[in-house]
Amino acid sequence: MQWRDVVMLSIASNRSENVEALKTAADARRLPTVLLDANCRVADLFEAQTTPHVFVIDREGILRYRGSVDDFTFRNRIPTRFYLDLAVESLLNGQLPALAESPAYGCTIVREI
């Protein structure tokens, strides 16, 4: 995903994250910035429960979308709705996202070991 005038940050909030493994994963996925949230402070602030769990914040700092990247689930292995794309594209077109929230689907964030 690459949009003009959009800043994307990836935040790794699992207490069990290994810095070297994060670097390897970031390189493989071509993620420009991955921040380590080892104490889960950012995850707690945004009430993130899973990885991935995405949050779209507009230029005014207002949270406009939270939830899944798409509609991929254990039963639906091929996504058909791309929530993150739709939210960002709506904002870039001067509109609010039609969907402000979707259930986040992924692995639970490990807050304690």
PDB file of N, CA and C in Angstrom:
ATOM      1  N   MET A   1       0.842  -1.176   0.000  1.00  0.00           N
ATOM      2  CA  MET A   1       0.000   0.000   0.000  1.00  0.00           C
ATOM      3  C   MET A   1       0.881   1.230   0.000  1.00  0.00           C
ATOM      4  N   GLN A   2       0.649   2.090  -0.926  1.00  0.00           N
ATOM      5  CA  GLN A   2       1.410   3.321  -0.963  1.00  0.00           C
ATOM      6  C   GLN A   2       0.487   4.435  -1.424  1.00  0.00           C
ATOM      7  N   TRP A   3       0.313   5.416  -0.548  1.00  0.00           N
ATOM      8  CA  TRP A   3      -0.503   6.567  -0.872  1.00  0.00           C
ATOM      9  C   TRP A   3       0.347   7.812  -0.732  1.00  0.00           C
ATOM     10  N   ARG A   4       0.071   8.761  -1.565  1.00  0.00           N
ATOM     11  CA  ARG A   4       0.745  10.045  -1.468  1.00  0.00           C
ATOM     12  C   ARG A   4       0.160  10.803  -0.282  1.00  0.00           C
ATOM     13  N   ASP A   5       0.985  11.533   0.434  1.00  0.00           N
ATOM     14  CA  ASP A   5       0.562  12.336   1.586  1.00  0.00           C
ATOM     15  C   ASP A   5       0.033  11.494   2.741  1.00  0.00           C
ATOM     16  N   VAL A   6       0.484  10.263   2.854  1.00  0.00           N
ATOM     17  CA  VAL A   6       0.055   9.394   3.948  1.00  0.00           C
ATOM     18  C   VAL A   6       1.298   8.886   4.676  1.00  0.00           C
ATOM     19  N   VAL A   7       1.260   8.957   5.992  1.00  0.00           N
ATOM     20  CA  VAL A   7       2.337   8.407   6.813  1.00  0.00           C
ATOM     21  C   VAL A   7       1.826   7.108   7.420  1.00  0.00           C
ATOM     22  N   MET A   8       2.587   6.043   7.243  1.00  0.00           N
ATOM     23  CA  MET A   8       2.194   4.763   7.817  1.00  0.00           C
ATOM     24  C   MET A   8       3.255   4.323   8.817  1.00  0.00           C
ATOM     25  N   LEU A   9       2.812   4.033  10.022  1.00  0.00           N
ATOM     26  CA  LEU A   9       3.698   3.517  11.059  1.00  0.00           C
ATOM     27  C   LEU A   9       3.223   2.126  11.448  1.00  0.00           C
ATOM     28  N   SER A  10       4.135   1.219  11.556  1.00  0.00           N
ATOM     29  CA  SER A  10       3.824  -0.112  12.074  1.00  0.00           C
ATOM     30  C   SER A  10       4.372  -0.172  13.490  1.00  0.00           C
ATOM     31  N   ILE A  11       3.540  -0.625  14.412  1.00  0.00           N
ATOM     32  CA  ILE A  11       3.938  -0.685  15.812  1.00  0.00           C
ATOM     33  C   ILE A  11       3.812  -2.125  16.288  1.00  0.00           C
ATOM     34  N   ALA A  12       4.909  -2.668  16.760  1.00  0.00           N
ATOM     35  CA  ALA A  12       4.936  -4.040  17.266  1.00  0.00           C
ATOM     36  C   ALA A  12       4.752  -3.994  18.773  1.00  0.00           C
ATOM     37  N   SER A  13       3.625  -4.500  19.252  1.00  0.00           N
ATOM     38  CA  SER A  13       3.271  -4.359  20.668  1.00  0.00           C
ATOM     39  C   SER A  13       3.329  -5.642  21.481  1.00  0.00           C
ATOM     40  N   ASN A  14       3.742  -6.728  20.906  1.00  0.00           N
ATOM     41  CA  ASN A  14       3.842  -7.959  21.692  1.00  0.00           C
ATOM     42  C   ASN A  14       5.075  -7.918  22.583  1.00  0.00           C
ATOM     43  N   ARG A  15       4.903  -8.247  23.848  1.00  0.00           N
ATOM     44  CA  ARG A  15       6.048  -8.271  24.775  1.00  0.00           C
ATOM     45  C   ARG A  15       7.114  -9.256  24.318  1.00  0.00           C
ATOM     46  N   SER A  16       6.708 -10.250  23.573  1.00  0.00           N
ATOM     47  CA  SER A  16       7.646 -11.287  23.149  1.00  0.00           C
ATOM     48  C   SER A  16       8.395 -10.931  21.865  1.00  0.00           C
ATOM     49  N   GLU A  17       8.191  -9.730  21.317  1.00  0.00           N
ATOM     50  CA  GLU A  17       8.831  -9.346  20.051  1.00  0.00           C
ATOM     51  C   GLU A  17      10.349  -9.301  20.201  1.00  0.00           C
ATOM     52  N   ASN A  18      11.026  -9.786  19.206  1.00  0.00           N
ATOM     53  CA  ASN A  18      12.474  -9.779  19.139  1.00  0.00           C
ATOM     54  C   ASN A  18      12.876  -8.742  18.098  1.00  0.00           C
ATOM     55  N   VAL A  19      13.795  -7.846  18.440  1.00  0.00           N
ATOM     56  CA  VAL A  19      14.170  -6.754  17.542  1.00  0.00           C
ATOM     57  C   VAL A  19      14.682  -7.276  16.206  1.00  0.00           C
ATOM     58  N   GLU A  20      15.518  -8.279  16.222  1.00  0.00           N
ATOM     59  CA  GLU A  20      16.050  -8.817  14.964  1.00  0.00           C
ATOM     60  C   GLU A  20      14.943  -9.434  14.110  1.00  0.00           C
ATOM     61  N   ALA A  21      14.014 -10.143  14.733  1.00  0.00           N
ATOM     62  CA  ALA A  21      12.891 -10.729  13.991  1.00  0.00           C
ATOM     63  C   ALA A  21      12.018  -9.630  13.395  1.00  0.00           C
ATOM     64  N   LEU A  22      11.852  -8.534  14.137  1.00  0.00           N
ATOM     65  CA  LEU A  22      11.076  -7.401  13.612  1.00  0.00           C
ATOM     66  C   LEU A  22      11.746  -6.800  12.387  1.00  0.00           C
ATOM     67  N   LYS A  23      13.053  -6.630  12.446  1.00  0.00           N
ATOM     68  CA  LYS A  23      13.789  -6.079  11.300  1.00  0.00           C
ATOM     69  C   LYS A  23      13.626  -6.976  10.080  1.00  0.00           C
ATOM     70  N   THR A  24      13.743  -8.270  10.284  1.00  0.00           N
ATOM     71  CA  THR A  24      13.596  -9.222   9.183  1.00  0.00           C
ATOM     72  C   THR A  24      12.195  -9.155   8.588  1.00  0.00           C
ATOM     73  N   ALA A  25      11.174  -9.132   9.446  1.00  0.00           N
ATOM     74  CA  ALA A  25       9.784  -9.062   8.974  1.00  0.00           C
ATOM     75  C   ALA A  25       9.514  -7.741   8.265  1.00  0.00           C
ATOM     76  N   ALA A  26      10.035  -6.646   8.801  1.00  0.00           N
ATOM     77  CA  ALA A  26       9.829  -5.332   8.184  1.00  0.00           C
ATOM     78  C   ALA A  26      10.463  -5.287   6.801  1.00  0.00           C
ATOM     79  N   ASP A  27      11.672  -5.813   6.681  1.00  0.00           N
ATOM     80  CA  ASP A  27      12.337  -5.848   5.378  1.00  0.00           C
ATOM     81  C   ASP A  27      11.558  -6.706   4.387  1.00  0.00           C
ATOM     82  N   ALA A  28      11.089  -7.862   4.828  1.00  0.00           N
ATOM     83  CA  ALA A  28      10.353  -8.774   3.947  1.00  0.00           C
ATOM     84  C   ALA A  28       9.052  -8.154   3.452  1.00  0.00           C
ATOM     85  N   ARG A  29       8.414  -7.347   4.312  1.00  0.00           N
ATOM     86  CA  ARG A  29       7.129  -6.737   3.947  1.00  0.00           C
ATOM     87  C   ARG A  29       7.286  -5.312   3.423  1.00  0.00           C
ATOM     88  N   ARG A  30       8.528  -4.860   3.329  1.00  0.00           N
ATOM     89  CA  ARG A  30       8.834  -3.506   2.857  1.00  0.00           C
ATOM     90  C   ARG A  30       8.138  -2.434   3.693  1.00  0.00           C
ATOM     91  N   LEU A  31       8.125  -2.630   4.994  1.00  0.00           N
ATOM     92  CA  LEU A  31       7.543  -1.645   5.903  1.00  0.00           C
ATOM     93  C   LEU A  31       8.617  -0.623   6.235  1.00  0.00           C
ATOM     94  N   PRO A  32       8.366   0.653   5.942  1.00  0.00           N
ATOM     95  CA  PRO A  32       9.408   1.659   6.135  1.00  0.00           C
ATOM     96  C   PRO A  32       9.740   1.938   7.601  1.00  0.00           C
ATOM     97  N   THR A  33       8.755   1.885   8.472  1.00  0.00           N
ATOM     98  CA  THR A  33       8.971   2.230   9.875  1.00  0.00           C
ATOM     99  C   THR A  33       8.241   1.237  10.764  1.00  0.00           C
ATOM    100  N   VAL A  34       8.982   0.582  11.636  1.00  0.00           N
ATOM    101  CA  VAL A  34       8.382  -0.304  12.630  1.00  0.00           C
ATOM    102  C   VAL A  34       8.887   0.145  13.994  1.00  0.00           C
ATOM    103  N   LEU A  35       7.964   0.501  14.857  1.00  0.00           N
ATOM    104  CA  LEU A  35       8.302   0.952  16.201  1.00  0.00           C
ATOM    105  C   LEU A  35       7.996  -0.157  17.194  1.00  0.00           C
ATOM    106  N   LEU A  36       8.879  -0.355  18.155  1.00  0.00           N
ATOM    107  CA  LEU A  36       8.687  -1.384  19.167  1.00  0.00           C
ATOM    108  C   LEU A  36       7.976  -0.783  20.378  1.00  0.00           C
ATOM    109  N   ASP A  37       6.860  -1.371  20.732  1.00  0.00           N
ATOM    110  CA  ASP A  37       6.034  -0.952  21.871  1.00  0.00           C
ATOM    111  C   ASP A  37       6.082  -2.068  22.915  1.00  0.00           C
ATOM    112  N   ALA A  38       7.280  -2.335  23.434  1.00  0.00           N
ATOM    113  CA  ALA A  38       7.497  -3.498  24.299  1.00  0.00           C
ATOM    114  C   ALA A  38       6.655  -3.478  25.568  1.00  0.00           C
ATOM    115  N   ASN A  39       6.310  -2.310  26.062  1.00  0.00           N
ATOM    116  CA  ASN A  39       5.488  -2.217  27.274  1.00  0.00           C
ATOM    117  C   ASN A  39       3.999  -2.101  26.965  1.00  0.00           C
ATOM    118  N   CYS A  40       3.642  -2.172  25.684  1.00  0.00           N
ATOM    119  CA  CYS A  40       2.246  -2.130  25.220  1.00  0.00           C
ATOM    120  C   CYS A  40       1.538  -0.813  25.554  1.00  0.00           C
ATOM    121  N   ARG A  41       2.277   0.254  25.748  1.00  0.00           N
ATOM    122  CA  ARG A  41       1.646   1.538  26.077  1.00  0.00           C
ATOM    123  C   ARG A  41       0.794   2.061  24.921  1.00  0.00           C
ATOM    124  N   VAL A  42       1.318   1.955  23.706  1.00  0.00           N
ATOM    125  CA  VAL A  42       0.552   2.422  22.543  1.00  0.00           C
ATOM    126  C   VAL A  42      -0.646   1.507  22.318  1.00  0.00           C
ATOM    127  N   ALA A  43      -0.440   0.215  22.433  1.00  0.00           N
ATOM    128  CA  ALA A  43      -1.551  -0.742  22.280  1.00  0.00           C
ATOM    129  C   ALA A  43      -2.643  -0.451  23.296  1.00  0.00           C
ATOM    130  N   ASP A  44      -2.251  -0.175  24.532  1.00  0.00           N
ATOM    131  CA  ASP A  44      -3.237   0.137  25.568  1.00  0.00           C
ATOM    132  C   ASP A  44      -3.961   1.445  25.267  1.00  0.00           C
ATOM    133  N   LEU A  45      -3.213   2.454  24.828  1.00  0.00           N
ATOM    134  CA  LEU A  45      -3.806   3.757  24.511  1.00  0.00           C
ATOM    135  C   LEU A  45      -4.896   3.634  23.448  1.00  0.00           C
ATOM    136  N   PHE A  46      -4.628   2.825  22.419  1.00  0.00           N
ATOM    137  CA  PHE A  46      -5.585   2.654  21.327  1.00  0.00           C
ATOM    138  C   PHE A  46      -6.526   1.469  21.540  1.00  0.00           C
ATOM    139  N   GLU A  47      -6.358   0.772  22.650  1.00  0.00           N
ATOM    140  CA  GLU A  47      -7.152  -0.418  22.950  1.00  0.00           C
ATOM    141  C   GLU A  47      -7.000  -1.487  21.868  1.00  0.00           C
ATOM    142  N   ALA A  48      -5.792  -1.609  21.345  1.00  0.00           N
ATOM    143  CA  ALA A  48      -5.499  -2.629  20.340  1.00  0.00           C
ATOM    144  C   ALA A  48      -5.506  -3.993  21.008  1.00  0.00           C
ATOM    145  N   GLN A  49      -6.135  -4.950  20.359  1.00  0.00           N
ATOM    146  CA  GLN A  49      -6.253  -6.293  20.919  1.00  0.00           C
ATOM    147  C   GLN A  49      -5.528  -7.354  20.102  1.00  0.00           C
ATOM    148  N   THR A  50      -5.343  -7.104  18.825  1.00  0.00           N
ATOM    149  CA  THR A  50      -4.771  -8.114  17.935  1.00  0.00           C
ATOM    150  C   THR A  50      -3.682  -7.517  17.056  1.00  0.00           C
ATOM    151  N   THR A  51      -2.929  -8.405  16.434  1.00  0.00           N
ATOM    152  CA  THR A  51      -2.018  -7.972  15.379  1.00  0.00           C
ATOM    153  C   THR A  51      -2.418  -8.720  14.116  1.00  0.00           C
ATOM    154  N   PRO A  52      -2.747  -8.033  13.050  1.00  0.00           N
ATOM    155  CA  PRO A  52      -2.775  -6.579  12.963  1.00  0.00           C
ATOM    156  C   PRO A  52      -4.068  -5.997  13.535  1.00  0.00           C
ATOM    157  N   HIS A  53      -3.990  -4.766  13.940  1.00  0.00           N
ATOM    158  CA  HIS A  53      -5.146  -3.968  14.360  1.00  0.00           C
ATOM    159  C   HIS A  53      -4.805  -2.572  13.879  1.00  0.00           C
ATOM    160  N   VAL A  54      -5.531  -2.070  12.890  1.00  0.00           N
ATOM    161  CA  VAL A  54      -5.143  -0.805  12.257  1.00  0.00           C
ATOM    162  C   VAL A  54      -5.983   0.361  12.751  1.00  0.00           C
ATOM    163  N   PHE A  55      -5.360   1.530  12.710  1.00  0.00           N
ATOM    164  CA  PHE A  55      -5.989   2.772  13.145  1.00  0.00           C
ATOM    165  C   PHE A  55      -5.654   3.837  12.115  1.00  0.00           C
ATOM    166  N   VAL A  56      -6.678   4.491  11.582  1.00  0.00           N
ATOM    167  CA  VAL A  56      -6.473   5.553  10.605  1.00  0.00           C
ATOM    168  C   VAL A  56      -6.818   6.870  11.282  1.00  0.00           C
ATOM    169  N   ILE A  57      -5.836   7.746  11.340  1.00  0.00           N
ATOM    170  CA  ILE A  57      -5.981   9.041  11.990  1.00  0.00           C
ATOM    171  C   ILE A  57      -5.830  10.110  10.918  1.00  0.00           C
ATOM    172  N   ASP A  58      -6.761  11.060  10.878  1.00  0.00           N
ATOM    173  CA  ASP A  58      -6.706  12.081   9.836  1.00  0.00           C
ATOM    174  C   ASP A  58      -5.719  13.195  10.195  1.00  0.00           C
ATOM    175  N   ARG A  59      -5.603  14.187   9.330  1.00  0.00           N
ATOM    176  CA  ARG A  59      -4.642  15.282   9.519  1.00  0.00           C
ATOM    177  C   ARG A  59      -4.896  16.102  10.769  1.00  0.00           C
ATOM    178  N   GLU A  60      -6.135  16.089  11.243  1.00  0.00           N
ATOM    179  CA  GLU A  60      -6.476  16.827  12.460  1.00  0.00           C
ATOM    180  C   GLU A  60      -6.243  15.986  13.719  1.00  0.00           C
ATOM    181  N   GLY A  61      -5.788  14.761  13.535  1.00  0.00           N
ATOM    182  CA  GLY A  61      -5.525  13.886  14.673  1.00  0.00           C
ATOM    183  C   GLY A  61      -6.749  13.138  15.159  1.00  0.00           C
ATOM    184  N   ILE A  62      -7.794  13.075  14.334  1.00  0.00           N
ATOM    185  CA  ILE A  62      -9.035  12.392  14.705  1.00  0.00           C
ATOM    186  C   ILE A  62      -9.011  10.958  14.175  1.00  0.00           C
ATOM    187  N   LEU A  63      -9.307  10.026  15.063  1.00  0.00           N
ATOM    188  CA  LEU A  63      -9.383   8.619  14.672  1.00  0.00           C
ATOM    189  C   LEU A  63     -10.606   8.430  13.781  1.00  0.00           C
ATOM    190  N   ARG A  64     -10.383   8.007  12.537  1.00  0.00           N
ATOM    191  CA  ARG A  64     -11.475   7.861  11.569  1.00  0.00           C
ATOM    192  C   ARG A  64     -11.825   6.415  11.253  1.00  0.00           C
ATOM    193  N   TYR A  65     -10.891   5.503  11.486  1.00  0.00           N
ATOM    194  CA  TYR A  65     -11.176   4.083  11.256  1.00  0.00           C
ATOM    195  C   TYR A  65     -10.319   3.267  12.204  1.00  0.00           C
ATOM    196  N   ARG A  66     -10.914   2.181  12.728  1.00  0.00           N
ATOM    197  CA  ARG A  66     -10.174   1.217  13.539  1.00  0.00           C
ATOM    198  C   ARG A  66     -10.706  -0.171  13.230  1.00  0.00           C
ATOM    199  N   GLY A  67      -9.800  -1.131  13.159  1.00  0.00           N
ATOM    200  CA  GLY A  67     -10.239  -2.501  12.926  1.00  0.00           C
ATOM    201  C   GLY A  67      -9.282  -3.290  12.065  1.00  0.00           C
ATOM    202  N   SER A  68      -9.841  -4.104  11.201  1.00  0.00           N
ATOM    203  CA  SER A  68      -9.066  -5.001  10.343  1.00  0.00           C
ATOM    204  C   SER A  68      -8.577  -4.305   9.084  1.00  0.00           C
ATOM    205  N   VAL A  69      -7.523  -4.851   8.519  1.00  0.00           N
ATOM    206  CA  VAL A  69      -7.029  -4.390   7.229  1.00  0.00           C
ATOM    207  C   VAL A  69      -8.049  -4.730   6.148  1.00  0.00           C
ATOM    208  N   ASP A  70      -8.625  -5.922   6.251  1.00  0.00           N
ATOM    209  CA  ASP A  70      -9.587  -6.403   5.258  1.00  0.00           C
ATOM    210  C   ASP A  70     -10.513  -7.416   5.928  1.00  0.00           C
ATOM    211  N   ASP A  71     -11.285  -8.146   5.132  1.00  0.00           N
ATOM    212  CA  ASP A  71     -12.237  -9.102   5.709  1.00  0.00           C
ATOM    213  C   ASP A  71     -11.697 -10.536   5.776  1.00  0.00           C
ATOM    214  N   PHE A  72     -10.389 -10.694   5.737  1.00  0.00           N
ATOM    215  CA  PHE A  72      -9.760 -12.003   5.893  1.00  0.00           C
ATOM    216  C   PHE A  72     -10.068 -12.560   7.282  1.00  0.00           C
ATOM    217  N   THR A  73     -10.500 -13.815   7.336  1.00  0.00           N
ATOM    218  CA  THR A  73     -10.701 -14.522   8.604  1.00  0.00           C
ATOM    219  C   THR A  73     -10.281 -15.977   8.409  1.00  0.00           C
ATOM    220  N   PHE A  74     -10.368 -16.741   9.469  1.00  0.00           N
ATOM    221  CA  PHE A  74     -10.036 -18.161   9.386  1.00  0.00           C
ATOM    222  C   PHE A  74     -10.913 -18.861   8.351  1.00  0.00           C
ATOM    223  N   ARG A  75     -12.179 -18.488   8.298  1.00  0.00           N
ATOM    224  CA  ARG A  75     -13.107 -19.111   7.338  1.00  0.00           C
ATOM    225  C   ARG A  75     -13.068 -18.447   5.965  1.00  0.00           C
ATOM    226  N   ASN A  76     -12.731 -17.172   5.918  1.00  0.00           N
ATOM    227  CA  ASN A  76     -12.689 -16.419   4.663  1.00  0.00           C
ATOM    228  C   ASN A  76     -11.235 -16.088   4.347  1.00  0.00           C
ATOM    229  N   ARG A  77     -10.539 -17.015   3.706  1.00  0.00           N
ATOM    230  CA  ARG A  77      -9.102 -16.883   3.462  1.00  0.00           C
ATOM    231  C   ARG A  77      -8.753 -15.929   2.322  1.00  0.00           C
ATOM    232  N   ILE A  78      -9.719 -15.602   1.488  1.00  0.00           N
ATOM    233  CA  ILE A  78      -9.469 -14.679   0.377  1.00  0.00           C
ATOM    234  C   ILE A  78     -10.261 -13.405   0.635  1.00  0.00           C
ATOM    235  N   PRO A  79      -9.578 -12.314   0.985  1.00  0.00           N
ATOM    236  CA  PRO A  79     -10.306 -11.084   1.301  1.00  0.00           C
ATOM    237  C   PRO A  79     -11.018 -10.507   0.076  1.00  0.00           C
ATOM    238  N   THR A  80     -12.187  -9.942   0.330  1.00  0.00           N
ATOM    239  CA  THR A  80     -12.965  -9.305  -0.739  1.00  0.00           C
ATOM    240  C   THR A  80     -13.236  -7.832  -0.445  1.00  0.00           C
ATOM    241  N   ARG A  81     -13.124  -7.432   0.818  1.00  0.00           N
ATOM    242  CA  ARG A  81     -13.303  -6.027   1.203  1.00  0.00           C
ATOM    243  C   ARG A  81     -12.018  -5.558   1.868  1.00  0.00           C
ATOM    244  N   PHE A  82     -11.513  -4.440   1.423  1.00  0.00           N
ATOM    245  CA  PHE A  82     -10.232  -3.934   1.892  1.00  0.00           C
ATOM    246  C   PHE A  82     -10.464  -2.657   2.693  1.00  0.00           C
ATOM    247  N   TYR A  83     -10.808  -2.847   3.973  1.00  0.00           N
ATOM    248  CA  TYR A  83     -11.242  -1.753   4.838  1.00  0.00           C
ATOM    249  C   TYR A  83     -10.209  -0.639   4.970  1.00  0.00           C
ATOM    250  N   LEU A  84      -8.955  -0.985   5.149  1.00  0.00           N
ATOM    251  CA  LEU A  84      -7.916   0.035   5.299  1.00  0.00           C
ATOM    252  C   LEU A  84      -7.805   0.874   4.037  1.00  0.00           C
ATOM    253  N   ASP A  85      -7.750   0.227   2.890  1.00  0.00           N
ATOM    254  CA  ASP A  85      -7.684   0.956   1.620  1.00  0.00           C
ATOM    255  C   ASP A  85      -8.869   1.900   1.469  1.00  0.00           C
ATOM    256  N   LEU A  86     -10.062   1.394   1.744  1.00  0.00           N
ATOM    257  CA  LEU A  86     -11.272   2.208   1.593  1.00  0.00           C
ATOM    258  C   LEU A  86     -11.257   3.413   2.523  1.00  0.00           C
ATOM    259  N   ALA A  87     -10.816   3.219   3.755  1.00  0.00           N
ATOM    260  CA  ALA A  87     -10.783   4.322   4.722  1.00  0.00           C
ATOM    261  C   ALA A  87      -9.804   5.406   4.289  1.00  0.00           C
ATOM    262  N   VAL A  88      -8.604   5.010   3.909  1.00  0.00           N
ATOM    263  CA  VAL A  88      -7.591   5.988   3.502  1.00  0.00           C
ATOM    264  C   VAL A  88      -8.010   6.697   2.226  1.00  0.00           C
ATOM    265  N   GLU A  89      -8.507   5.959   1.256  1.00  0.00           N
ATOM    266  CA  GLU A  89      -8.922   6.576  -0.003  1.00  0.00           C
ATOM    267  C   GLU A  89     -10.079   7.548   0.207  1.00  0.00           C
ATOM    268  N   SER A  90     -11.002   7.229   1.096  1.00  0.00           N
ATOM    269  CA  SER A  90     -12.097   8.154   1.410  1.00  0.00           C
ATOM    270  C   SER A  90     -11.549   9.460   1.956  1.00  0.00           C
ATOM    271  N   LEU A  91     -10.650   9.373   2.918  1.00  0.00           N
ATOM    272  CA  LEU A  91     -10.080  10.582   3.516  1.00  0.00           C
ATOM    273  C   LEU A  91      -9.292  11.396   2.496  1.00  0.00           C
ATOM    274  N   LEU A  92      -8.545  10.727   1.637  1.00  0.00           N
ATOM    275  CA  LEU A  92      -7.794  11.444   0.607  1.00  0.00           C
ATOM    276  C   LEU A  92      -8.712  12.141  -0.388  1.00  0.00           C
ATOM    277  N   ASN A  93      -9.939  11.633  -0.518  1.00  0.00           N
ATOM    278  CA  ASN A  93     -10.931  12.250  -1.404  1.00  0.00           C
ATOM    279  C   ASN A  93     -11.821  13.245  -0.671  1.00  0.00           C
ATOM    280  N   GLY A  94     -11.458  13.586   0.570  1.00  0.00           N
ATOM    281  CA  GLY A  94     -12.204  14.585   1.321  1.00  0.00           C
ATOM    282  C   GLY A  94     -13.489  14.081   1.945  1.00  0.00           C
ATOM    283  N   GLN A  95     -13.629  12.777   2.078  1.00  0.00           N
ATOM    284  CA  GLN A  95     -14.839  12.191   2.654  1.00  0.00           C
ATOM    285  C   GLN A  95     -14.482  11.373   3.889  1.00  0.00           C
ATOM    286  N   LEU A  96     -15.470  11.174   4.749  1.00  0.00           N
ATOM    287  CA  LEU A  96     -15.279  10.280   5.884  1.00  0.00           C
ATOM    288  C   LEU A  96     -15.439   8.840   5.406  1.00  0.00           C
ATOM    289  N   PRO A  97     -14.720   7.910   6.001  1.00  0.00           N
ATOM    290  CA  PRO A  97     -14.902   6.508   5.620  1.00  0.00           C
ATOM    291  C   PRO A  97     -16.341   6.057   5.887  1.00  0.00           C
ATOM    292  N   ALA A  98     -16.895   5.285   4.977  1.00  0.00           N
ATOM    293  CA  ALA A  98     -18.255   4.767   5.158  1.00  0.00           C
ATOM    294  C   ALA A  98     -18.315   3.835   6.364  1.00  0.00           C
ATOM    295  N   LEU A  99     -17.228   3.155   6.631  1.00  0.00           N
ATOM    296  CA  LEU A  99     -17.136   2.238   7.768  1.00  0.00           C
ATOM    297  C   LEU A  99     -16.095   2.800   8.733  1.00  0.00           C
ATOM    298  N   ALA A 100     -16.513   3.113   9.953  1.00  0.00           N
ATOM    299  CA  ALA A 100     -15.594   3.685  10.944  1.00  0.00           C
ATOM    300  C   ALA A 100     -14.917   2.615  11.790  1.00  0.00           C
ATOM    301  N   GLU A 101     -15.503   1.421  11.837  1.00  0.00           N
ATOM    302  CA  GLU A 101     -14.934   0.367  12.672  1.00  0.00           C
ATOM    303  C   GLU A 101     -15.328  -1.000  12.133  1.00  0.00           C
ATOM    304  N   SER A 102     -14.402  -1.927  12.240  1.00  0.00           N
ATOM    305  CA  SER A 102     -14.686  -3.325  11.918  1.00  0.00           C
ATOM    306  C   SER A 102     -14.010  -4.176  12.990  1.00  0.00           C
ATOM    307  N   PRO A 103     -14.463  -5.414  13.164  1.00  0.00           N
ATOM    308  CA  PRO A 103     -13.797  -6.266  14.149  1.00  0.00           C
ATOM    309  C   PRO A 103     -12.356  -6.539  13.709  1.00  0.00           C
ATOM    310  N   ALA A 104     -11.421  -6.396  14.631  1.00  0.00           N
ATOM    311  CA  ALA A 104     -10.025  -6.706  14.312  1.00  0.00           C
ATOM    312  C   ALA A 104      -9.849  -8.218  14.342  1.00  0.00           C
ATOM    313  N   TYR A 105      -9.130  -8.734  13.372  1.00  0.00           N
ATOM    314  CA  TYR A 105      -8.909 -10.176  13.285  1.00  0.00           C
ATOM    315  C   TYR A 105      -7.412 -10.434  13.244  1.00  0.00           C
ATOM    316  N   GLY A 106      -6.941 -11.250  14.127  1.00  0.00           N
ATOM    317  CA  GLY A 106      -5.526 -11.592  14.138  1.00  0.00           C
ATOM    318  C   GLY A 106      -5.165 -12.282  15.433  1.00  0.00           C
ATOM    319  N   CYS A 107      -3.880 -12.363  15.693  1.00  0.00           N
ATOM    320  CA  CYS A 107      -3.394 -12.978  16.926  1.00  0.00           C
ATOM    321  C   CYS A 107      -3.487 -11.976  18.067  1.00  0.00           C
ATOM    322  N   THR A 108      -3.832 -12.452  19.238  1.00  0.00           N
ATOM    323  CA  THR A 108      -3.952 -11.599  20.413  1.00  0.00           C
ATOM    324  C   THR A 108      -2.597 -11.016  20.786  1.00  0.00           C
ATOM    325  N   ILE A 109      -2.588  -9.732  21.131  1.00  0.00           N
ATOM    326  CA  ILE A 109      -1.361  -9.080  21.581  1.00  0.00           C
ATOM    327  C   ILE A 109      -0.969  -9.658  22.942  1.00  0.00           C
ATOM    328  N   VAL A 110       0.279 -10.069  23.053  1.00  0.00           N
ATOM    329  CA  VAL A 110       0.797 -10.630  24.301  1.00  0.00           C
ATOM    330  C   VAL A 110       1.271  -9.478  25.180  1.00  0.00           C
ATOM    331  N   ARG A 111       0.526  -9.223  26.263  1.00  0.00           N
ATOM    332  CA  ARG A 111       0.877  -8.124  27.157  1.00  0.00           C
ATOM    333  C   ARG A 111       1.747  -8.571  28.327  1.00  0.00           C
ATOM    334  N   GLU A 112       1.681  -9.818  28.703  1.00  0.00           N
ATOM    335  CA  GLU A 112       2.506 -10.349  29.793  1.00  0.00           C
ATOM    336  C   GLU A 112       3.086 -11.686  29.373  1.00  0.00           C
ATOM    337  N   ILE A 113       4.283 -11.935  29.814  1.00  0.00           N
ATOM    338  CA  ILE A 113       4.930 -13.219  29.490  1.00  0.00           C
ATOM    339  C   ILE A 113       4.946 -14.074  30.736  1.00  0.00           C
TER     340      ILE A 113
END
